[in-house]
Amino acid sequence: MSEQVSARRAQTRERLMDAAIVLFAEKGVLAASVEEICEQAGFTRGAFYSNFESKDDLCVAVMHRQGQDSLRATQEATASVAAEPRPATPTR
């Protein structure tokens, strides 16, 4: 989604993705229905389809978010290691 997203819409998308992750873990991606995801998130099918074209679109968004979270965690870990002083290497 490339257009500017309102804070409310972003929250809706996040809640739908969070609900999907829970249901995907419990039932599997194929077995979790759009209706169940909506119920878990507290939204209607209309809210779902105004944010995602399909369950496949939701899956891609979830994977993208998870990838971004992993990348951010890796960058933070790398930065913290690089910022720590290194012990002197003994010379021979």
PDB file of N, CA and C in Angstrom:
ATOM      1  N   MET A   1       0.851  -1.175   0.000  1.00  0.00           N
ATOM      2  CA  MET A   1       0.000   0.000   0.000  1.00  0.00           C
ATOM      3  C   MET A   1       0.890   1.229   0.000  1.00  0.00           C
ATOM      4  N   SER A   2       0.852   2.017  -1.022  1.00  0.00           N
ATOM      5  CA  SER A   2       1.789   3.120  -1.141  1.00  0.00           C
ATOM      6  C   SER A   2       1.194   4.461  -0.740  1.00  0.00           C
ATOM      7  N   GLU A   3      -0.128   4.579  -0.676  1.00  0.00           N
ATOM      8  CA  GLU A   3      -0.703   5.859  -0.304  1.00  0.00           C
ATOM      9  C   GLU A   3      -0.549   6.119   1.186  1.00  0.00           C
ATOM     10  N   GLN A   4      -0.708   7.377   1.569  1.00  0.00           N
ATOM     11  CA  GLN A   4      -0.623   7.770   2.970  1.00  0.00           C
ATOM     12  C   GLN A   4      -1.747   7.072   3.739  1.00  0.00           C
ATOM     13  N   VAL A   5      -1.428   6.494   4.892  1.00  0.00           N
ATOM     14  CA  VAL A   5      -2.401   5.757   5.678  1.00  0.00           C
ATOM     15  C   VAL A   5      -2.674   6.523   6.971  1.00  0.00           C
ATOM     16  N   SER A   6      -3.971   6.732   7.283  1.00  0.00           N
ATOM     17  CA  SER A   6      -4.322   7.438   8.516  1.00  0.00           C
ATOM     18  C   SER A   6      -3.947   6.582   9.719  1.00  0.00           C
ATOM     19  N   ALA A   7      -3.815   7.220  10.875  1.00  0.00           N
ATOM     20  CA  ALA A   7      -3.466   6.506  12.103  1.00  0.00           C
ATOM     21  C   ALA A   7      -4.518   5.456  12.430  1.00  0.00           C
ATOM     22  N   ARG A   8      -5.782   5.794  12.239  1.00  0.00           N
ATOM     23  CA  ARG A   8      -6.863   4.853  12.531  1.00  0.00           C
ATOM     24  C   ARG A   8      -6.801   3.646  11.601  1.00  0.00           C
ATOM     25  N   ARG A   9      -6.577   3.912  10.340  1.00  0.00           N
ATOM     26  CA  ARG A   9      -6.475   2.816   9.368  1.00  0.00           C
ATOM     27  C   ARG A   9      -5.263   1.944   9.675  1.00  0.00           C
ATOM     28  N   ALA A  10      -4.164   2.566  10.044  1.00  0.00           N
ATOM     29  CA  ALA A  10      -2.957   1.811  10.400  1.00  0.00           C
ATOM     30  C   ALA A  10      -3.226   0.916  11.607  1.00  0.00           C
ATOM     31  N   GLN A  11      -3.957   1.424  12.597  1.00  0.00           N
ATOM     32  CA  GLN A  11      -4.304   0.617  13.774  1.00  0.00           C
ATOM     33  C   GLN A  11      -5.185  -0.560  13.376  1.00  0.00           C
ATOM     34  N   THR A  12      -6.131  -0.334  12.493  1.00  0.00           N
ATOM     35  CA  THR A  12      -7.002  -1.405  12.015  1.00  0.00           C
ATOM     36  C   THR A  12      -6.177  -2.481  11.330  1.00  0.00           C
ATOM     37  N   ARG A  13      -5.281  -2.061  10.450  1.00  0.00           N
ATOM     38  CA  ARG A  13      -4.417  -3.019   9.751  1.00  0.00           C
ATOM     39  C   ARG A  13      -3.571  -3.807  10.739  1.00  0.00           C
ATOM     40  N   GLU A  14      -3.004  -3.125  11.731  1.00  0.00           N
ATOM     41  CA  GLU A  14      -2.172  -3.801  12.736  1.00  0.00           C
ATOM     42  C   GLU A  14      -2.977  -4.827  13.519  1.00  0.00           C
ATOM     43  N   ARG A  15      -4.185  -4.460  13.925  1.00  0.00           N
ATOM     44  CA  ARG A  15      -5.024  -5.394  14.682  1.00  0.00           C
ATOM     45  C   ARG A  15      -5.413  -6.598  13.842  1.00  0.00           C
ATOM     46  N   LEU A  16      -5.719  -6.375  12.579  1.00  0.00           N
ATOM     47  CA  LEU A  16      -6.044  -7.490  11.694  1.00  0.00           C
ATOM     48  C   LEU A  16      -4.826  -8.399  11.507  1.00  0.00           C
ATOM     49  N   MET A  17      -3.648  -7.818  11.344  1.00  0.00           N
ATOM     50  CA  MET A  17      -2.442  -8.634  11.209  1.00  0.00           C
ATOM     51  C   MET A  17      -2.136  -9.389  12.490  1.00  0.00           C
ATOM     52  N   ASP A  18      -2.298  -8.738  13.642  1.00  0.00           N
ATOM     53  CA  ASP A  18      -2.072  -9.418  14.923  1.00  0.00           C
ATOM     54  C   ASP A  18      -3.024 -10.598  15.088  1.00  0.00           C
ATOM     55  N   ALA A  19      -4.285 -10.385  14.745  1.00  0.00           N
ATOM     56  CA  ALA A  19      -5.279 -11.462  14.837  1.00  0.00           C
ATOM     57  C   ALA A  19      -4.911 -12.596  13.883  1.00  0.00           C
ATOM     58  N   ALA A  20      -4.485 -12.256  12.704  1.00  0.00           N
ATOM     59  CA  ALA A  20      -4.106 -13.277  11.731  1.00  0.00           C
ATOM     60  C   ALA A  20      -2.939 -14.113  12.240  1.00  0.00           C
ATOM     61  N   ILE A  21      -1.956 -13.489  12.833  1.00  0.00           N
ATOM     62  CA  ILE A  21      -0.795 -14.220  13.351  1.00  0.00           C
ATOM     63  C   ILE A  21      -1.234 -15.230  14.404  1.00  0.00           C
ATOM     64  N   VAL A  22      -2.124 -14.820  15.301  1.00  0.00           N
ATOM     65  CA  VAL A  22      -2.624 -15.724  16.336  1.00  0.00           C
ATOM     66  C   VAL A  22      -3.327 -16.920  15.697  1.00  0.00           C
ATOM     67  N   LEU A  23      -4.227 -16.639  14.770  1.00  0.00           N
ATOM     68  CA  LEU A  23      -4.985 -17.719  14.135  1.00  0.00           C
ATOM     69  C   LEU A  23      -4.118 -18.583  13.229  1.00  0.00           C
ATOM     70  N   PHE A  24      -3.166 -17.985  12.532  1.00  0.00           N
ATOM     71  CA  PHE A  24      -2.267 -18.770  11.693  1.00  0.00           C
ATOM     72  C   PHE A  24      -1.468 -19.741  12.553  1.00  0.00           C
ATOM     73  N   ALA A  25      -1.041 -19.283  13.730  1.00  0.00           N
ATOM     74  CA  ALA A  25      -0.281 -20.145  14.640  1.00  0.00           C
ATOM     75  C   ALA A  25      -1.161 -21.268  15.187  1.00  0.00           C
ATOM     76  N   GLU A  26      -2.413 -20.968  15.482  1.00  0.00           N
ATOM     77  CA  GLU A  26      -3.327 -21.959  16.045  1.00  0.00           C
ATOM     78  C   GLU A  26      -3.827 -22.963  15.010  1.00  0.00           C
ATOM     79  N   LYS A  27      -4.208 -22.465  13.825  1.00  0.00           N
ATOM     80  CA  LYS A  27      -4.927 -23.294  12.858  1.00  0.00           C
ATOM     81  C   LYS A  27      -4.178 -23.540  11.556  1.00  0.00           C
ATOM     82  N   GLY A  28      -3.189 -22.704  11.295  1.00  0.00           N
ATOM     83  CA  GLY A  28      -2.521 -22.741   9.997  1.00  0.00           C
ATOM     84  C   GLY A  28      -3.106 -21.677   9.087  1.00  0.00           C
ATOM     85  N   VAL A  29      -2.336 -21.244   8.141  1.00  0.00           N
ATOM     86  CA  VAL A  29      -2.752 -20.166   7.243  1.00  0.00           C
ATOM     87  C   VAL A  29      -3.974 -20.571   6.422  1.00  0.00           C
ATOM     88  N   LEU A  30      -3.958 -21.773   5.886  1.00  0.00           N
ATOM     89  CA  LEU A  30      -5.063 -22.192   5.024  1.00  0.00           C
ATOM     90  C   LEU A  30      -6.365 -22.382   5.800  1.00  0.00           C
ATOM     91  N   ALA A  31      -6.271 -22.844   7.037  1.00  0.00           N
ATOM     92  CA  ALA A  31      -7.485 -23.133   7.808  1.00  0.00           C
ATOM     93  C   ALA A  31      -8.097 -21.889   8.449  1.00  0.00           C
ATOM     94  N   ALA A  32      -7.322 -20.846   8.650  1.00  0.00           N
ATOM     95  CA  ALA A  32      -7.850 -19.614   9.266  1.00  0.00           C
ATOM     96  C   ALA A  32      -8.639 -18.838   8.216  1.00  0.00           C
ATOM     97  N   SER A  33      -9.896 -18.603   8.505  1.00  0.00           N
ATOM     98  CA  SER A  33     -10.740 -17.894   7.535  1.00  0.00           C
ATOM     99  C   SER A  33     -10.715 -16.386   7.774  1.00  0.00           C
ATOM    100  N   VAL A  34     -11.089 -15.651   6.754  1.00  0.00           N
ATOM    101  CA  VAL A  34     -11.204 -14.197   6.878  1.00  0.00           C
ATOM    102  C   VAL A  34     -12.205 -13.856   7.981  1.00  0.00           C
ATOM    103  N   GLU A  35     -13.303 -14.596   8.054  1.00  0.00           N
ATOM    104  CA  GLU A  35     -14.315 -14.346   9.087  1.00  0.00           C
ATOM    105  C   GLU A  35     -13.725 -14.502  10.486  1.00  0.00           C
ATOM    106  N   GLU A  36     -12.926 -15.550  10.686  1.00  0.00           N
ATOM    107  CA  GLU A  36     -12.299 -15.773  11.993  1.00  0.00           C
ATOM    108  C   GLU A  36     -11.293 -14.679  12.325  1.00  0.00           C
ATOM    109  N   ILE A  37     -10.551 -14.254  11.334  1.00  0.00           N
ATOM    110  CA  ILE A  37      -9.571 -13.172  11.546  1.00  0.00           C
ATOM    111  C   ILE A  37     -10.301 -11.898  11.957  1.00  0.00           C
ATOM    112  N   CYS A  38     -11.396 -11.596  11.264  1.00  0.00           N
ATOM    113  CA  CYS A  38     -12.184 -10.409  11.598  1.00  0.00           C
ATOM    114  C   CYS A  38     -12.743 -10.502  13.010  1.00  0.00           C
ATOM    115  N   GLU A  39     -13.286 -11.664  13.360  1.00  0.00           N
ATOM    116  CA  GLU A  39     -13.843 -11.854  14.696  1.00  0.00           C
ATOM    117  C   GLU A  39     -12.766 -11.698  15.761  1.00  0.00           C
ATOM    118  N   GLN A  40     -11.605 -12.298  15.539  1.00  0.00           N
ATOM    119  CA  GLN A  40     -10.481 -12.209  16.482  1.00  0.00           C
ATOM    120  C   GLN A  40     -10.047 -10.751  16.672  1.00  0.00           C
ATOM    121  N   ALA A  41     -10.074  -9.974  15.602  1.00  0.00           N
ATOM    122  CA  ALA A  41      -9.627  -8.576  15.657  1.00  0.00           C
ATOM    123  C   ALA A  41     -10.729  -7.618  16.092  1.00  0.00           C
ATOM    124  N   GLY A  42     -11.991  -8.088  16.058  1.00  0.00           N
ATOM    125  CA  GLY A  42     -13.109  -7.227  16.431  1.00  0.00           C
ATOM    126  C   GLY A  42     -13.573  -6.315  15.308  1.00  0.00           C
ATOM    127  N   PHE A  43     -13.424  -6.774  14.064  1.00  0.00           N
ATOM    128  CA  PHE A  43     -13.832  -5.984  12.908  1.00  0.00           C
ATOM    129  C   PHE A  43     -14.760  -6.788  12.012  1.00  0.00           C
ATOM    130  N   THR A  44     -15.387  -6.088  11.082  1.00  0.00           N
ATOM    131  CA  THR A  44     -16.253  -6.712  10.097  1.00  0.00           C
ATOM    132  C   THR A  44     -15.449  -7.097   8.865  1.00  0.00           C
ATOM    133  N   ARG A  45     -16.087  -7.907   8.020  1.00  0.00           N
ATOM    134  CA  ARG A  45     -15.460  -8.247   6.736  1.00  0.00           C
ATOM    135  C   ARG A  45     -15.223  -6.990   5.906  1.00  0.00           C
ATOM    136  N   GLY A  46     -16.108  -6.011   6.037  1.00  0.00           N
ATOM    137  CA  GLY A  46     -15.933  -4.756   5.317  1.00  0.00           C
ATOM    138  C   GLY A  46     -14.642  -4.062   5.708  1.00  0.00           C
ATOM    139  N   ALA A  47     -14.348  -4.056   7.005  1.00  0.00           N
ATOM    140  CA  ALA A  47     -13.086  -3.458   7.476  1.00  0.00           C
ATOM    141  C   ALA A  47     -11.899  -4.231   6.921  1.00  0.00           C
ATOM    142  N   PHE A  48     -12.036  -5.548   6.896  1.00  0.00           N
ATOM    143  CA  PHE A  48     -10.955  -6.372   6.347  1.00  0.00           C
ATOM    144  C   PHE A  48     -10.695  -6.004   4.892  1.00  0.00           C
ATOM    145  N   TYR A  49     -11.766  -6.028   4.097  1.00  0.00           N
ATOM    146  CA  TYR A  49     -11.593  -5.809   2.660  1.00  0.00           C
ATOM    147  C   TYR A  49     -11.317  -4.355   2.292  1.00  0.00           C
ATOM    148  N   SER A  50     -11.525  -3.428   3.218  1.00  0.00           N
ATOM    149  CA  SER A  50     -11.108  -2.050   2.936  1.00  0.00           C
ATOM    150  C   SER A  50      -9.618  -1.863   3.215  1.00  0.00           C
ATOM    151  N   ASN A  51      -9.018  -2.853   3.884  1.00  0.00           N
ATOM    152  CA  ASN A  51      -7.589  -2.792   4.190  1.00  0.00           C
ATOM    153  C   ASN A  51      -6.746  -3.781   3.399  1.00  0.00           C
ATOM    154  N   PHE A  52      -7.337  -4.909   3.039  1.00  0.00           N
ATOM    155  CA  PHE A  52      -6.618  -5.953   2.311  1.00  0.00           C
ATOM    156  C   PHE A  52      -7.501  -6.467   1.178  1.00  0.00           C
ATOM    157  N   GLU A  53      -6.895  -6.748   0.050  1.00  0.00           N
ATOM    158  CA  GLU A  53      -7.647  -7.257  -1.093  1.00  0.00           C
ATOM    159  C   GLU A  53      -8.088  -8.698  -0.874  1.00  0.00           C
ATOM    160  N   SER A  54      -7.292  -9.458  -0.104  1.00  0.00           N
ATOM    161  CA  SER A  54      -7.558 -10.876   0.090  1.00  0.00           C
ATOM    162  C   SER A  54      -6.759 -11.373   1.287  1.00  0.00           C
ATOM    163  N   LYS A  55      -6.979 -12.623   1.651  1.00  0.00           N
ATOM    164  CA  LYS A  55      -6.172 -13.220   2.716  1.00  0.00           C
ATOM    165  C   LYS A  55      -4.714 -13.316   2.274  1.00  0.00           C
ATOM    166  N   ASP A  56      -4.496 -13.562   0.984  1.00  0.00           N
ATOM    167  CA  ASP A  56      -3.124 -13.583   0.461  1.00  0.00           C
ATOM    168  C   ASP A  56      -2.442 -12.234   0.667  1.00  0.00           C
ATOM    169  N   ASP A  57      -3.171 -11.153   0.402  1.00  0.00           N
ATOM    170  CA  ASP A  57      -2.646  -9.800   0.599  1.00  0.00           C
ATOM    171  C   ASP A  57      -2.301  -9.582   2.074  1.00  0.00           C
ATOM    172  N   LEU A  58      -3.161 -10.058   2.957  1.00  0.00           N
ATOM    173  CA  LEU A  58      -2.893  -9.977   4.399  1.00  0.00           C
ATOM    174  C   LEU A  58      -1.632 -10.759   4.751  1.00  0.00           C
ATOM    175  N   CYS A  59      -1.486 -11.956   4.205  1.00  0.00           N
ATOM    176  CA  CYS A  59      -0.294 -12.775   4.473  1.00  0.00           C
ATOM    177  C   CYS A  59       0.984 -12.054   4.053  1.00  0.00           C
ATOM    178  N   VAL A  60       0.943 -11.430   2.894  1.00  0.00           N
ATOM    179  CA  VAL A  60       2.109 -10.679   2.418  1.00  0.00           C
ATOM    180  C   VAL A  60       2.419  -9.532   3.374  1.00  0.00           C
ATOM    181  N   ALA A  61       1.386  -8.820   3.837  1.00  0.00           N
ATOM    182  CA  ALA A  61       1.583  -7.715   4.774  1.00  0.00           C
ATOM    183  C   ALA A  61       2.173  -8.217   6.092  1.00  0.00           C
ATOM    184  N   VAL A  62       1.687  -9.355   6.569  1.00  0.00           N
ATOM    185  CA  VAL A  62       2.218  -9.942   7.809  1.00  0.00           C
ATOM    186  C   VAL A  62       3.694 -10.307   7.624  1.00  0.00           C
ATOM    187  N   MET A  63       4.014 -10.964   6.514  1.00  0.00           N
ATOM    188  CA  MET A  63       5.410 -11.347   6.270  1.00  0.00           C
ATOM    189  C   MET A  63       6.301 -10.119   6.141  1.00  0.00           C
ATOM    190  N   HIS A  64       5.796  -9.081   5.484  1.00  0.00           N
ATOM    191  CA  HIS A  64       6.572  -7.846   5.341  1.00  0.00           C
ATOM    192  C   HIS A  64       6.836  -7.228   6.715  1.00  0.00           C
ATOM    193  N   ARG A  65       5.795  -7.154   7.544  1.00  0.00           N
ATOM    194  CA  ARG A  65       5.964  -6.579   8.884  1.00  0.00           C
ATOM    195  C   ARG A  65       6.943  -7.402   9.711  1.00  0.00           C
ATOM    196  N   GLN A  66       6.816  -8.725   9.658  1.00  0.00           N
ATOM    197  CA  GLN A  66       7.721  -9.593  10.413  1.00  0.00           C
ATOM    198  C   GLN A  66       9.167  -9.413   9.926  1.00  0.00           C
ATOM    199  N   GLY A  67       9.336  -9.304   8.622  1.00  0.00           N
ATOM    200  CA  GLY A  67      10.668  -9.083   8.058  1.00  0.00           C
ATOM    201  C   GLY A  67      11.259  -7.753   8.501  1.00  0.00           C
ATOM    202  N   GLN A  68      10.422  -6.708   8.497  1.00  0.00           N
ATOM    203  CA  GLN A  68      10.886  -5.387   8.950  1.00  0.00           C
ATOM    204  C   GLN A  68      11.273  -5.427  10.429  1.00  0.00           C
ATOM    205  N   ASP A  69      10.471  -6.133  11.232  1.00  0.00           N
ATOM    206  CA  ASP A  69      10.788  -6.263  12.657  1.00  0.00           C
ATOM    207  C   ASP A  69      12.117  -6.989  12.859  1.00  0.00           C
ATOM    208  N   SER A  70      12.338  -8.051  12.097  1.00  0.00           N
ATOM    209  CA  SER A  70      13.595  -8.804  12.196  1.00  0.00           C
ATOM    210  C   SER A  70      14.781  -7.960  11.751  1.00  0.00           C
ATOM    211  N   LEU A  71      14.609  -7.231  10.665  1.00  0.00           N
ATOM    212  CA  LEU A  71      15.670  -6.362  10.169  1.00  0.00           C
ATOM    213  C   LEU A  71      16.027  -5.294  11.200  1.00  0.00           C
ATOM    214  N   ARG A  72      14.994  -4.671  11.774  1.00  0.00           N
ATOM    215  CA  ARG A  72      15.219  -3.637  12.786  1.00  0.00           C
ATOM    216  C   ARG A  72      15.962  -4.211  14.003  1.00  0.00           C
ATOM    217  N   ALA A  73      15.559  -5.398  14.462  1.00  0.00           N
ATOM    218  CA  ALA A  73      16.209  -6.031  15.613  1.00  0.00           C
ATOM    219  C   ALA A  73      17.665  -6.358  15.293  1.00  0.00           C
ATOM    220  N   THR A  74      17.918  -6.827  14.081  1.00  0.00           N
ATOM    221  CA  THR A  74      19.287  -7.137  13.668  1.00  0.00           C
ATOM    222  C   THR A  74      20.140  -5.878  13.610  1.00  0.00           C
ATOM    223  N   GLN A  75      19.578  -4.806  13.066  1.00  0.00           N
ATOM    224  CA  GLN A  75      20.325  -3.548  12.989  1.00  0.00           C
ATOM    225  C   GLN A  75      20.640  -3.009  14.382  1.00  0.00           C
ATOM    226  N   GLU A  76      19.673  -3.107  15.298  1.00  0.00           N
ATOM    227  CA  GLU A  76      19.908  -2.636  16.666  1.00  0.00           C
ATOM    228  C   GLU A  76      20.964  -3.480  17.369  1.00  0.00           C
ATOM    229  N   ALA A  77      20.905  -4.786  17.170  1.00  0.00           N
ATOM    230  CA  ALA A  77      21.896  -5.674  17.787  1.00  0.00           C
ATOM    231  C   ALA A  77      23.287  -5.396  17.222  1.00  0.00           C
ATOM    232  N   THR A  78      23.365  -5.218  15.920  1.00  0.00           N
ATOM    233  CA  THR A  78      24.643  -4.928  15.278  1.00  0.00           C
ATOM    234  C   THR A  78      25.199  -3.586  15.756  1.00  0.00           C
ATOM    235  N   ALA A  79      24.334  -2.591  15.866  1.00  0.00           N
ATOM    236  CA  ALA A  79      24.776  -1.272  16.328  1.00  0.00           C
ATOM    237  C   ALA A  79      25.268  -1.332  17.766  1.00  0.00           C
ATOM    238  N   SER A  80      24.610  -2.129  18.604  1.00  0.00           N
ATOM    239  CA  SER A  80      25.035  -2.201  20.004  1.00  0.00           C
ATOM    240  C   SER A  80      26.382  -2.910  20.125  1.00  0.00           C
ATOM    241  N   VAL A  81      26.631  -3.901  19.295  1.00  0.00           N
ATOM    242  CA  VAL A  81      27.919  -4.602  19.322  1.00  0.00           C
ATOM    243  C   VAL A  81      29.012  -3.681  18.812  1.00  0.00           C
ATOM    244  N   ALA A  82      28.720  -2.954  17.748  1.00  0.00           N
ATOM    245  CA  ALA A  82      29.712  -2.043  17.172  1.00  0.00           C
ATOM    246  C   ALA A  82      30.026  -0.904  18.122  1.00  0.00           C
ATOM    247  N   ALA A  83      29.077  -0.510  18.972  1.00  0.00           N
ATOM    248  CA  ALA A  83      29.274   0.606  19.887  1.00  0.00           C
ATOM    249  C   ALA A  83      30.065   0.211  21.134  1.00  0.00           C
ATOM    250  N   GLU A  84      30.129  -1.082  21.448  1.00  0.00           N
ATOM    251  CA  GLU A  84      30.852  -1.533  22.635  1.00  0.00           C
ATOM    252  C   GLU A  84      32.350  -1.462  22.387  1.00  0.00           C
ATOM    253  N   PRO A  85      33.090  -1.044  23.416  1.00  0.00           N
ATOM    254  CA  PRO A  85      34.542  -1.021  23.252  1.00  0.00           C
ATOM    255  C   PRO A  85      35.063  -2.459  23.105  1.00  0.00           C
ATOM    256  N   ARG A  86      36.053  -2.610  22.260  1.00  0.00           N
ATOM    257  CA  ARG A  86      36.641  -3.924  22.034  1.00  0.00           C
ATOM    258  C   ARG A  86      37.900  -4.051  22.878  1.00  0.00           C
ATOM    259  N   PRO A  87      38.109  -5.219  23.443  1.00  0.00           N
ATOM    260  CA  PRO A  87      39.347  -5.404  24.226  1.00  0.00           C
ATOM    261  C   PRO A  87      40.571  -5.298  23.301  1.00  0.00           C
ATOM    262  N   ALA A  88      41.627  -4.819  23.882  1.00  0.00           N
ATOM    263  CA  ALA A  88      42.859  -4.682  23.106  1.00  0.00           C
ATOM    264  C   ALA A  88      43.360  -6.058  22.684  1.00  0.00           C
ATOM    265  N   THR A  89      43.832  -6.141  21.488  1.00  0.00           N
ATOM    266  CA  THR A  89      44.401  -7.388  20.981  1.00  0.00           C
ATOM    267  C   THR A  89      45.866  -7.410  21.353  1.00  0.00           C
ATOM    268  N   PRO A  90      46.281  -8.496  22.003  1.00  0.00           N
ATOM    269  CA  PRO A  90      47.713  -8.550  22.386  1.00  0.00           C
ATOM    270  C   PRO A  90      48.606  -8.581  21.140  1.00  0.00           C
ATOM    271  N   THR A  91      49.703  -7.886  21.222  1.00  0.00           N
ATOM    272  CA  THR A  91      50.661  -7.887  20.105  1.00  0.00           C
ATOM    273  C   THR A  91      51.703  -8.950  20.366  1.00  0.00           C
ATOM    274  N   ARG A  92      52.268  -9.461  19.329  1.00  0.00           N
ATOM    275  CA  ARG A  92      53.287 -10.522  19.463  1.00  0.00           C
ATOM    276  C   ARG A  92      54.648  -9.987  19.228  1.00  0.00           C
TER     277      ARG A  92
END
